[in-house]
C-alpha atoms as a PDB file:
ATOM      1  CA  MET A   1       0.086  -0.022  -0.020  1.00  0.00           C
ATOM      2  CA  ASN A   2       1.437   3.315  -1.078  1.00  0.00           C
ATOM      3  CA  ILE A   3       0.713   5.857   1.658  1.00  0.00           C
ATOM      4  CA  PRO A   4       0.376   9.396   0.266  1.00  0.00           C
ATOM      5  CA  GLY A   5       2.720  11.875   1.888  1.00  0.00           C
ATOM      6  CA  LYS A   6       4.939   9.191   3.411  1.00  0.00           C
ATOM      7  CA  ASP A   7       7.767   9.920   1.000  1.00  0.00           C
ATOM      8  CA  ALA A   8       7.476  13.638   1.799  1.00  0.00           C
ATOM      9  CA  VAL A   9       7.706  12.897   5.494  1.00  0.00           C
ATOM     10  CA  THR A  10      10.707  10.673   4.892  1.00  0.00           C
ATOM     11  CA  ARG A  11      12.517  13.379   2.877  1.00  0.00           C
ATOM     12  CA  ARG A  12      11.671  15.986   5.543  1.00  0.00           C
ATOM     13  CA  VAL A  13      13.042  13.893   8.426  1.00  0.00           C
ATOM     14  CA  ILE A  14      16.178  13.006   6.449  1.00  0.00           C
ATOM     15  CA  LEU A  15      16.704  16.622   5.580  1.00  0.00           C
ATOM     16  CA  TYR A  16      16.451  17.635   9.208  1.00  0.00           C
ATOM     17  CA  GLU A  17      18.998  14.896  10.188  1.00  0.00           C
ATOM     18  CA  ARG A  18      21.349  16.080   7.510  1.00  0.00           C
ATOM     19  CA  ILE A  19      21.104  19.722   8.634  1.00  0.00           C
ATOM     20  CA  ALA A  20      21.791  18.648  12.225  1.00  0.00           C
ATOM     21  CA  PHE A  21      24.883  16.616  11.320  1.00  0.00           C
ATOM     22  CA  ALA A  22      26.153  19.346   8.994  1.00  0.00           C
ATOM     23  CA  SER A  23      25.697  21.881  11.739  1.00  0.00           C
ATOM     24  CA  ILE A  24      27.722  19.705  14.104  1.00  0.00           C
ATOM     25  CA  ILE A  25      30.546  19.422  11.586  1.00  0.00           C
ATOM     26  CA  LEU A  26      30.385  23.143  10.933  1.00  0.00           C
ATOM     27  CA  LEU A  27      30.553  23.919  14.707  1.00  0.00           C
ATOM     28  CA  ILE A  28      33.643  21.675  14.930  1.00  0.00           C
ATOM     29  CA  TRP A  29      35.439  23.640  12.239  1.00  0.00           C
ATOM     30  CA  LEU A  30      34.194  27.039  13.593  1.00  0.00           C
ATOM     31  CA  ASP A  31      35.590  26.070  17.004  1.00  0.00           C
ATOM     32  CA  GLU A  32      38.930  25.089  15.422  1.00  0.00           C
ATOM     33  CA  VAL A  33      39.170  28.216  13.322  1.00  0.00           C
ATOM     34  CA  ILE A  34      37.914  30.947  15.694  1.00  0.00           C
ATOM     35  CA  ASP A  35      38.618  29.175  19.038  1.00  0.00           C
ATOM     36  CA  ILE A  36      35.189  29.663  20.562  1.00  0.00           C
ATOM     37  CA  PRO A  37      36.178  28.828  24.172  1.00  0.00           C
ATOM     38  CA  GLY A  38      39.239  31.115  23.996  1.00  0.00           C
ATOM     39  CA  ARG A  39      37.387  33.983  22.342  1.00  0.00           C
ATOM     40  CA  PHE A  40      34.086  33.933  24.192  1.00  0.00           C
ATOM     41  CA  LEU A  41      34.695  32.160  27.501  1.00  0.00           C
ATOM     42  CA  GLY A  42      38.115  33.408  28.369  1.00  0.00           C
ATOM     43  CA  ALA A  43      39.791  29.965  28.111  1.00  0.00           C
ATOM     44  CA  ALA A  44      43.451  29.670  27.137  1.00  0.00           C
ATOM     45  CA  PRO A  45      43.894  29.901  23.360  1.00  0.00           C
ATOM     46  CA  THR A  46      44.537  26.673  21.540  1.00  0.00           C
ATOM     47  CA  PRO A  47      46.319  26.187  18.249  1.00  0.00           C
ATOM     48  CA  VAL A  48      44.535  25.072  15.134  1.00  0.00           C
ATOM     49  CA  ASN A  49      44.512  21.251  14.901  1.00  0.00           C
ATOM     50  CA  TRP A  50      43.060  20.535  11.485  1.00  0.00           C
ATOM     51  CA  ARG A  51      43.908  16.740  11.685  1.00  0.00           C
ATOM     52  CA  GLU A  52      41.759  16.343  14.799  1.00  0.00           C
ATOM     53  CA  SER A  53      38.916  18.338  13.328  1.00  0.00           C
ATOM     54  CA  PHE A  54      39.167  16.342  10.047  1.00  0.00           C
ATOM     55  CA  PHE A  55      39.104  13.053  11.999  1.00  0.00           C
ATOM     56  CA  GLU A  56      36.157  14.191  14.065  1.00  0.00           C
ATOM     57  CA  SER A  57      34.300  15.299  10.947  1.00  0.00           C
ATOM     58  CA  ILE A  58      34.881  11.966   9.190  1.00  0.00           C
ATOM     59  CA  CYS A  59      33.612  10.057  12.288  1.00  0.00           C
ATOM     60  CA  ILE A  60      30.490  12.185  12.444  1.00  0.00           C
ATOM     61  CA  PHE A  61      29.940  11.858   8.760  1.00  0.00           C
ATOM     62  CA  ILE A  62      30.132   8.018   8.959  1.00  0.00           C
ATOM     63  CA  LEU A  63      27.850   8.060  11.927  1.00  0.00           C
ATOM     64  CA  SER A  64      25.396  10.266  10.118  1.00  0.00           C
ATOM     65  CA  ILE A  65      25.240   7.857   7.168  1.00  0.00           C
ATOM     66  CA  ILE A  66      24.474   5.025   9.580  1.00  0.00           C
ATOM     67  CA  ILE A  67      21.833   6.946  11.486  1.00  0.00           C
ATOM     68  CA  ILE A  68      20.153   8.321   8.319  1.00  0.00           C
ATOM     69  CA  ARG A  69      20.058   4.706   6.878  1.00  0.00           C
ATOM     70  CA  PHE A  70      18.474   3.407  10.111  1.00  0.00           C
ATOM     71  CA  THR A  71      15.953   6.257  10.094  1.00  0.00           C
ATOM     72  CA  THR A  72      15.020   5.601   6.459  1.00  0.00           C
ATOM     73  CA  ASN A  73      14.579   1.876   7.222  1.00  0.00           C
ATOM     74  CA  ILE A  74      12.406   2.566  10.254  1.00  0.00           C
ATOM     75  CA  ILE A  75      10.193   5.071   8.391  1.00  0.00           C
ATOM     76  CA  ASN A  76       9.784   2.657   5.458  1.00  0.00           C
ATOM     77  CA  ARG A  77       8.726  -0.189   7.867  1.00  0.00           C
ATOM     78  CA  MET A  78       6.099   2.027   9.568  1.00  0.00           C
ATOM     79  CA  LYS A  79       2.539   1.491   8.570  1.00  0.00           C
ATOM     80  CA  TYR A  80      -0.136   3.987   9.503  1.00  0.00           C
ATOM     81  CA  LEU A  81      -3.644   4.982   8.538  1.00  0.00           C
ATOM     82  CA  GLU A  82      -4.530   8.450   7.406  1.00  0.00           C
ATOM     83  CA  GLY A  83      -7.464  10.134   5.797  1.00  0.00           C
ATOM     84  CA  MET A  84     -11.094   9.259   5.989  1.00  0.00           C
ATOM     85  CA  LEU A  85     -12.202   5.607   6.450  1.00  0.00           C
ATOM     86  CA  PRO A  86     -15.657   4.857   4.915  1.00  0.00           C
ATOM     87  CA  VAL A  87     -17.368   2.608   7.482  1.00  0.00           C
ATOM     88  CA  CYS A  88     -20.728   0.861   7.109  1.00  0.00           C
ATOM     89  CA  SER A  89     -22.998   2.276   9.826  1.00  0.00           C
ATOM     90  CA  SER A  90     -24.652  -1.128  10.224  1.00  0.00           C
ATOM     91  CA  CYS A  91     -21.978  -3.853  10.116  1.00  0.00           C
ATOM     92  CA  LYS A  92     -18.911  -1.616  10.681  1.00  0.00           C
ATOM     93  CA  ARG A  93     -17.068  -2.971   7.616  1.00  0.00           C
ATOM     94  CA  ILE A  94     -14.604  -0.626   5.918  1.00  0.00           C
ATOM     95  CA  ARG A  95     -14.493   0.138   2.209  1.00  0.00           C
ATOM     96  CA  ASP A  96     -11.080   0.091   0.527  1.00  0.00           C
ATOM     97  CA  GLU A  97      -9.881   1.981  -2.547  1.00  0.00           C
ATOM     98  CA  LYS A  98     -11.283  -0.754  -4.851  1.00  0.00           C
ATOM     99  CA  ASP A  99     -14.757  -0.554  -3.323  1.00  0.00           C
ATOM    100  CA  ASN A 100     -14.352  -3.911  -1.488  1.00  0.00           C
ATOM    101  CA  TRP A 101     -15.774  -4.089   2.036  1.00  0.00           C
ATOM    102  CA  HIS A 102     -13.603  -5.619   4.829  1.00  0.00           C
ATOM    103  CA  PRO A 103     -14.179  -6.372   8.475  1.00  0.00           C
ATOM    104  CA  ILE A 104     -12.656  -3.677  10.539  1.00  0.00           C
ATOM    105  CA  GLU A 105     -10.253  -6.100  12.278  1.00  0.00           C
ATOM    106  CA  SER A 106      -8.715  -7.312   9.083  1.00  0.00           C
ATOM    107  CA  TYR A 107      -8.561  -3.931   7.444  1.00  0.00           C
ATOM    108  CA  ILE A 108      -6.670  -2.421  10.355  1.00  0.00           C
ATOM    109  CA  ARG A 109      -4.566  -5.518  10.937  1.00  0.00           C
ATOM    110  CA  ASP A 110      -3.351  -5.504   7.228  1.00  0.00           C
ATOM    111  CA  ARG A 111      -2.452  -1.800   7.372  1.00  0.00           C
ATOM    112  CA  ALA A 112      -1.153  -1.169  10.877  1.00  0.00           C
ATOM    113  CA  ASP A 113       0.680  -4.215  12.289  1.00  0.00           C
ATOM    114  CA  VAL A 114      -1.769  -4.701  15.129  1.00  0.00           C
ATOM    115  CA  GLU A 115      -3.631  -7.725  16.442  1.00  0.00           C
ATOM    116  CA  PHE A 116      -7.097  -7.557  17.935  1.00  0.00           C
ATOM    117  CA  SER A 117      -8.370  -9.268  21.003  1.00  0.00           C
ATOM    118  CA  HIS A 118     -12.034  -9.204  21.622  1.00  0.00           C
ATOM    119  CA  GLY A 119     -13.881  -8.548  24.841  1.00  0.00           C
ATOM    120  CA  ILE A 120     -17.174  -6.983  25.754  1.00  0.00           C
ATOM    121  CA  CYS A 121     -17.713  -3.576  27.312  1.00  0.00           C
ATOM    122  CA  PRO A 122     -19.855  -3.270  30.425  1.00  0.00           C
ATOM    123  CA  GLU A 123     -22.754  -1.500  28.608  1.00  0.00           C
ATOM    124  CA  CYS A 124     -22.998  -4.354  25.887  1.00  0.00           C
ATOM    125  CA  ALA A 125     -22.669  -6.985  28.651  1.00  0.00           C
ATOM    126  CA  GLU A 126     -25.570  -5.485  30.493  1.00  0.00           C
ATOM    127  CA  LYS A 127     -27.602  -5.241  27.348  1.00  0.00           C
ATOM    128  CA  LEU A 128     -26.789  -8.719  25.943  1.00  0.00           C
ATOM    129  CA  TYR A 129     -26.430 -10.722  29.144  1.00  0.00           C
ATOM    130  CA  PRO A 130     -28.604  -8.968  31.718  1.00  0.00           C
ATOM    131  CA  GLU A 131     -29.041 -12.026  33.951  1.00  0.00           C
ATOM    132  CA  PHE A 132     -25.284 -12.652  34.104  1.00  0.00           C
ATOM    133  CA  TYR A 133     -24.501  -8.964  34.530  1.00  0.00           C
ATOM    134  CA  LYS A 134     -26.925  -8.564  37.477  1.00  0.00           C
ATOM    135  CA  LYS A 135     -25.550 -11.613  39.295  1.00  0.00           C
ATOM    136  CA  ASN A 136     -21.939 -10.202  39.160  1.00  0.00           C
ATOM    137  CA  ARG A 137     -22.844  -6.758  40.514  1.00  0.00           C
END
């Protein structure tokens, strides 16, 4: 099932992750070039160490690739329902895109990775089994 908007959400999340990782790498290089602790916090100045910044940037870049791949896989595995569900007001079956009617349990189970367990609410128990319900009160 192709969920409308899911690709747009995936692209947006990945874009935010890329911006976050790029910001971290930029901050590492800004700190190295302008010595943020020395300039703004009164710490002892430190010399530029481009090898250390390059190593940190490579590590963060590799980590970002791994995290973005995991995020993409997780989003692709997610199933969710959105939009309007046409439900029969009598039998509570749901109509799909092909005008086929499905029991609510199977429709949702196929699209949301959930299992149903059935019970009976107190109002229905009282209505359907009044003699049993009154004994247990």
